[in-house]
C-alpha atoms as a PDB file:
ATOM      1  CA  LYS A   1       0.000   0.000   0.000  1.00  0.00           C
ATOM      2  CA  LEU A   2       1.229   3.478  -0.877  1.00  0.00           C
ATOM      3  CA  ALA A   3       1.438   6.196   1.739  1.00  0.00           C
ATOM      4  CA  GLY A   4      -1.106   8.920   1.024  1.00  0.00           C
ATOM      5  CA  CYS A   5      -3.892   6.737  -0.379  1.00  0.00           C
ATOM      6  CA  GLY A   6      -7.412   7.075   0.914  1.00  0.00           C
ATOM      7  CA  ILE A   7     -10.615   9.049   0.496  1.00  0.00           C
ATOM      8  CA  LYS A   8     -11.780  11.572   3.072  1.00  0.00           C
ATOM      9  CA  ASP A   9     -15.472  11.806   2.083  1.00  0.00           C
ATOM     10  CA  ALA A  10     -16.031   8.624   0.066  1.00  0.00           C
ATOM     11  CA  VAL A  11     -19.187   7.818  -1.883  1.00  0.00           C
ATOM     12  CA  ARG A  12     -19.908   4.874  -4.163  1.00  0.00           C
ATOM     13  CA  LEU A  13     -21.712   6.302  -7.163  1.00  0.00           C
ATOM     14  CA  GLN A  14     -23.975   3.971  -9.159  1.00  0.00           C
ATOM     15  CA  SER A  15     -25.542   6.651 -11.347  1.00  0.00           C
ATOM     16  CA  VAL A  16     -25.497  10.369 -12.058  1.00  0.00           C
ATOM     17  CA  GLY A  17     -29.102  11.469 -12.277  1.00  0.00           C
ATOM     18  CA  ASP A  18     -30.658   9.051 -14.777  1.00  0.00           C
ATOM     19  CA  VAL A  19     -27.272   8.051 -16.248  1.00  0.00           C
ATOM     20  CA  ARG A  20     -26.046   4.655 -14.990  1.00  0.00           C
ATOM     21  CA  LEU A  21     -22.375   3.867 -14.396  1.00  0.00           C
ATOM     22  CA  THR A  22     -21.123   0.480 -15.615  1.00  0.00           C
ATOM     23  CA  GLN A  23     -19.573  -0.092 -12.195  1.00  0.00           C
ATOM     24  CA  GLY A  24     -19.946   1.568  -8.817  1.00  0.00           C
ATOM     25  CA  ALA A  25     -17.339   4.325  -8.717  1.00  0.00           C
ATOM     26  CA  LEU A  26     -15.674   4.921  -5.362  1.00  0.00           C
ATOM     27  CA  ILE A  27     -14.743   8.624  -5.361  1.00  0.00           C
ATOM     28  CA  ASP A  28     -14.829  11.592  -3.012  1.00  0.00           C
ATOM     29  CA  CYS A  29     -17.881  13.821  -2.676  1.00  0.00           C
ATOM     30  CA  THR A  30     -16.399  16.797  -4.562  1.00  0.00           C
ATOM     31  CA  THR A  31     -15.480  14.562  -7.514  1.00  0.00           C
ATOM     32  CA  ALA A  32     -19.008  13.104  -7.511  1.00  0.00           C
ATOM     33  CA  ARG A  33     -20.500  16.617  -7.654  1.00  0.00           C
ATOM     34  CA  ALA A  34     -18.128  17.581 -10.509  1.00  0.00           C
ATOM     35  CA  LEU A  35     -19.125  14.432 -12.430  1.00  0.00           C
ATOM     36  CA  GLU A  36     -22.805  15.161 -11.907  1.00  0.00           C
ATOM     37  CA  SER A  37     -22.568  18.742 -13.191  1.00  0.00           C
ATOM     38  CA  TRP A  38     -20.384  17.685 -16.152  1.00  0.00           C
ATOM     39  CA  VAL A  39     -22.854  14.990 -17.247  1.00  0.00           C
ATOM     40  CA  ARG A  40     -25.924  17.202 -16.736  1.00  0.00           C
ATOM     41  CA  ASP A  41     -24.597  20.499 -18.109  1.00  0.00           C
ATOM     42  CA  ALA A  42     -22.170  19.330 -20.798  1.00  0.00           C
ATOM     43  CA  ALA A  43     -22.107  15.663 -21.827  1.00  0.00           C
ATOM     44  CA  LYS A  44     -25.874  15.265 -22.203  1.00  0.00           C
ATOM     45  CA  PRO A  45     -26.271  18.504 -24.210  1.00  0.00           C
ATOM     46  CA  ALA A  46     -23.260  17.595 -26.419  1.00  0.00           C
ATOM     47  CA  VAL A  47     -24.902  14.302 -27.428  1.00  0.00           C
ATOM     48  CA  GLY A  48     -28.410  15.756 -27.450  1.00  0.00           C
ATOM     49  CA  ARG A  49     -31.200  13.393 -28.442  1.00  0.00           C
ATOM     50  CA  ARG A  50     -28.999  11.322 -30.760  1.00  0.00           C
ATOM     51  CA  GLY A  51     -29.716   7.669 -30.004  1.00  0.00           C
ATOM     52  CA  GLY A  52     -32.215   8.774 -27.367  1.00  0.00           C
ATOM     53  CA  GLY A  53     -29.511  10.589 -25.375  1.00  0.00           C
ATOM     54  CA  ILE A  54     -26.931   9.366 -22.889  1.00  0.00           C
ATOM     55  CA  SER A  55     -28.089   6.542 -20.633  1.00  0.00           C
ATOM     56  CA  GLY A  56     -24.762   5.290 -19.268  1.00  0.00           C
ATOM     57  CA  LEU A  57     -21.082   5.935 -18.665  1.00  0.00           C
ATOM     58  CA  LYS A  58     -18.446   3.242 -19.066  1.00  0.00           C
ATOM     59  CA  VAL A  59     -16.166   3.693 -16.061  1.00  0.00           C
ATOM     60  CA  ALA A  60     -12.594   2.658 -16.905  1.00  0.00           C
ATOM     61  CA  ALA A  61     -11.141   3.539 -13.469  1.00  0.00           C
ATOM     62  CA  HIS A  62     -12.058   5.115 -10.158  1.00  0.00           C
ATOM     63  CA  TYR A  63     -10.406   4.747  -6.714  1.00  0.00           C
ATOM     64  CA  SER A  64      -7.173   2.796  -6.941  1.00  0.00           C
ATOM     65  CA  CYS A  65      -4.190   3.096  -4.599  1.00  0.00           C
ATOM     66  CA  ARG A  66      -1.437   3.497  -7.185  1.00  0.00           C
ATOM     67  CA  THR A  67       1.077   5.876  -8.706  1.00  0.00           C
ATOM     68  CA  ARG A  68       0.352   8.055 -11.746  1.00  0.00           C
ATOM     69  CA  ASN A  69      -0.161   5.824 -14.781  1.00  0.00           C
ATOM     70  CA  SER A  70       1.002   2.935 -12.532  1.00  0.00           C
ATOM     71  CA  GLN A  71       4.616   3.949 -13.206  1.00  0.00           C
ATOM     72  CA  ARG A  72       7.229   2.925 -10.630  1.00  0.00           C
ATOM     73  CA  GLY A  73       8.600   5.923  -8.729  1.00  0.00           C
ATOM     74  CA  ALA A  74       5.879   8.313  -9.915  1.00  0.00           C
ATOM     75  CA  ARG A  75       3.852  10.477  -7.536  1.00  0.00           C
ATOM     76  CA  ILE A  76       0.597   9.121  -6.171  1.00  0.00           C
ATOM     77  CA  SER A  77      -2.258   9.245  -8.669  1.00  0.00           C
ATOM     78  CA  GLU A  78      -5.358  11.342  -8.022  1.00  0.00           C
ATOM     79  CA  HIS A  79      -7.141   7.962  -8.310  1.00  0.00           C
ATOM     80  CA  GLY A  80      -5.373   7.005  -5.067  1.00  0.00           C
ATOM     81  CA  LYS A  81      -7.045   9.936  -3.326  1.00  0.00           C
ATOM     82  CA  GLY A  82     -10.512   9.363  -4.798  1.00  0.00           C
ATOM     83  CA  ASN A  83     -10.257  12.624  -6.758  1.00  0.00           C
ATOM     84  CA  ALA A  84     -10.409  11.111 -10.260  1.00  0.00           C
ATOM     85  CA  ILE A  85     -12.583   9.098 -12.608  1.00  0.00           C
ATOM     86  CA  ASP A  86     -11.829   7.680 -16.056  1.00  0.00           C
ATOM     87  CA  ILE A  87     -14.623   7.373 -18.633  1.00  0.00           C
ATOM     88  CA  SER A  88     -14.028   5.308 -21.787  1.00  0.00           C
ATOM     89  CA  ALA A  89     -17.457   5.451 -23.441  1.00  0.00           C
ATOM     90  CA  PHE A  90     -20.974   6.854 -23.331  1.00  0.00           C
ATOM     91  CA  ARG A  91     -23.921   4.488 -23.831  1.00  0.00           C
ATOM     92  CA  LEU A  92     -26.956   5.861 -25.637  1.00  0.00           C
ATOM     93  CA  GLU A  93     -30.569   4.979 -24.862  1.00  0.00           C
ATOM     94  CA  ASN A  94     -30.837   2.944 -28.107  1.00  0.00           C
ATOM     95  CA  GLY A  95     -27.829   0.799 -27.094  1.00  0.00           C
ATOM     96  CA  ASP A  96     -25.238   2.548 -29.286  1.00  0.00           C
ATOM     97  CA  LEU A  97     -21.863   3.276 -27.753  1.00  0.00           C
ATOM     98  CA  VAL A  98     -19.836   6.463 -28.243  1.00  0.00           C
ATOM     99  CA  SER A  99     -16.348   5.143 -27.508  1.00  0.00           C
ATOM    100  CA  VAL A 100     -13.249   7.268 -26.948  1.00  0.00           C
ATOM    101  CA  ARG A 101     -11.049   4.524 -28.438  1.00  0.00           C
ATOM    102  CA  GLU A 102     -13.246   3.803 -31.485  1.00  0.00           C
ATOM    103  CA  ASP A 103     -14.862   7.158 -32.260  1.00  0.00           C
ATOM    104  CA  TRP A 104     -12.329   9.883 -31.359  1.00  0.00           C
ATOM    105  CA  GLY A 105     -11.767  12.093 -34.408  1.00  0.00           C
ATOM    106  CA  LYS A 106     -14.446  10.354 -36.497  1.00  0.00           C
ATOM    107  CA  GLY A 107     -17.608  12.095 -37.686  1.00  0.00           C
ATOM    108  CA  ARG A 108     -20.505  13.123 -35.455  1.00  0.00           C
ATOM    109  CA  LYS A 109     -19.512  10.871 -32.572  1.00  0.00           C
ATOM    110  CA  GLY A 110     -15.976  12.262 -32.684  1.00  0.00           C
ATOM    111  CA  ARG A 111     -17.261  15.835 -32.628  1.00  0.00           C
ATOM    112  CA  ALA A 112     -19.516  15.017 -29.665  1.00  0.00           C
ATOM    113  CA  LEU A 113     -16.545  13.486 -27.813  1.00  0.00           C
ATOM    114  CA  LYS A 114     -14.441  16.578 -28.487  1.00  0.00           C
ATOM    115  CA  ALA A 115     -17.186  18.821 -27.071  1.00  0.00           C
ATOM    116  CA  ILE A 116     -17.639  16.529 -24.061  1.00  0.00           C
ATOM    117  CA  ARG A 117     -13.908  16.586 -23.251  1.00  0.00           C
ATOM    118  CA  LYS A 118     -13.653  20.345 -23.672  1.00  0.00           C
ATOM    119  CA  SER A 119     -16.635  20.895 -21.382  1.00  0.00           C
ATOM    120  CA  ALA A 120     -15.111  18.735 -18.624  1.00  0.00           C
ATOM    121  CA  CYS A 121     -12.538  21.489 -18.092  1.00  0.00           C
ATOM    122  CA  GLY A 122     -14.663  23.538 -15.763  1.00  0.00           C
ATOM    123  CA  PRO A 123     -16.057  21.176 -13.196  1.00  0.00           C
ATOM    124  CA  PHE A 124     -12.701  19.327 -13.261  1.00  0.00           C
ATOM    125  CA  GLY A 125      -9.222  20.835 -12.901  1.00  0.00           C
ATOM    126  CA  VAL A 126      -7.347  18.218 -14.923  1.00  0.00           C
ATOM    127  CA  VAL A 127      -8.775  16.567 -18.027  1.00  0.00           C
ATOM    128  CA  LEU A 128      -6.704  14.209 -20.173  1.00  0.00           C
ATOM    129  CA  GLY A 129      -7.661  12.205 -23.241  1.00  0.00           C
ATOM    130  CA  PRO A 130      -6.499  11.298 -26.750  1.00  0.00           C
ATOM    131  CA  GLY A 131      -3.496  13.383 -27.745  1.00  0.00           C
ATOM    132  CA  SER A 132      -2.406  14.189 -24.188  1.00  0.00           C
ATOM    133  CA  ASP A 133      -0.089  11.171 -23.762  1.00  0.00           C
ATOM    134  CA  ARG A 134       0.085   7.445 -24.496  1.00  0.00           C
ATOM    135  CA  PHE A 135      -1.745   6.551 -21.284  1.00  0.00           C
ATOM    136  CA  HIS A 136      -4.958   8.422 -22.155  1.00  0.00           C
ATOM    137  CA  ARG A 137      -5.646   7.547 -25.799  1.00  0.00           C
ATOM    138  CA  ASP A 138      -8.710   5.398 -25.023  1.00  0.00           C
ATOM    139  CA  HIS A 139     -10.451   7.284 -22.211  1.00  0.00           C
ATOM    140  CA  PHE A 140     -11.044  10.644 -20.570  1.00  0.00           C
ATOM    141  CA  HIS A 141      -9.328  11.140 -17.215  1.00  0.00           C
ATOM    142  CA  ALA A 142     -10.997  13.832 -15.101  1.00  0.00           C
ATOM    143  CA  ASP A 143      -9.885  14.912 -11.637  1.00  0.00           C
ATOM    144  CA  ILE A 144     -10.463  17.773  -9.239  1.00  0.00           C
ATOM    145  CA  SER A 145      -6.838  18.708  -8.596  1.00  0.00           C
ATOM    146  CA  HIS A 146      -5.607  22.070  -9.937  1.00  0.00           C
ATOM    147  CA  LEU A 147      -9.033  23.728  -9.884  1.00  0.00           C
ATOM    148  CA  ASN A 148      -7.292  27.114  -9.635  1.00  0.00           C
ATOM    149  CA  ASN A 149      -4.828  26.312 -12.427  1.00  0.00           C
ATOM    150  CA  ARG A 150      -6.643  23.999 -14.846  1.00  0.00           C
ATOM    151  CA  TYR A 151      -4.791  21.605 -17.113  1.00  0.00           C
ATOM    152  CA  CYS A 152      -6.853  20.219 -19.970  1.00  0.00           C
ATOM    153  CA  LYS A 153      -5.288  18.376 -22.894  1.00  0.00           C
END
């Protein structure tokens, strides 16, 4: 176990409003509120009524006591503090999937993903995704660190 891991105000989120998570996400309360406002105010409007709208989020990672990108010697990840969540896809009401890995940079789904990522930089302080580094090419990483000095790439 790494020193510094743990969540002060932990919640296990199963859904955000009417949007289900594919797995219960263990995160802190502030991160849960940021996720809720991002989904409500940005992700849902970006997708609109296409496919009936967003019905689910595919959670790629949540609380995990580890270093950044699981690299030996790196600083503790925001995931190890419960301050981060990784989303790899958005499920639509009709069953379609808008996948970061499959749809980034491609047509309407790609444009929706670009708008969704851009809009995450507001409720979250750090947002990473395709193009930021090799570790984030298939998902969006969003965390609440650096709220006063946002880093979104």
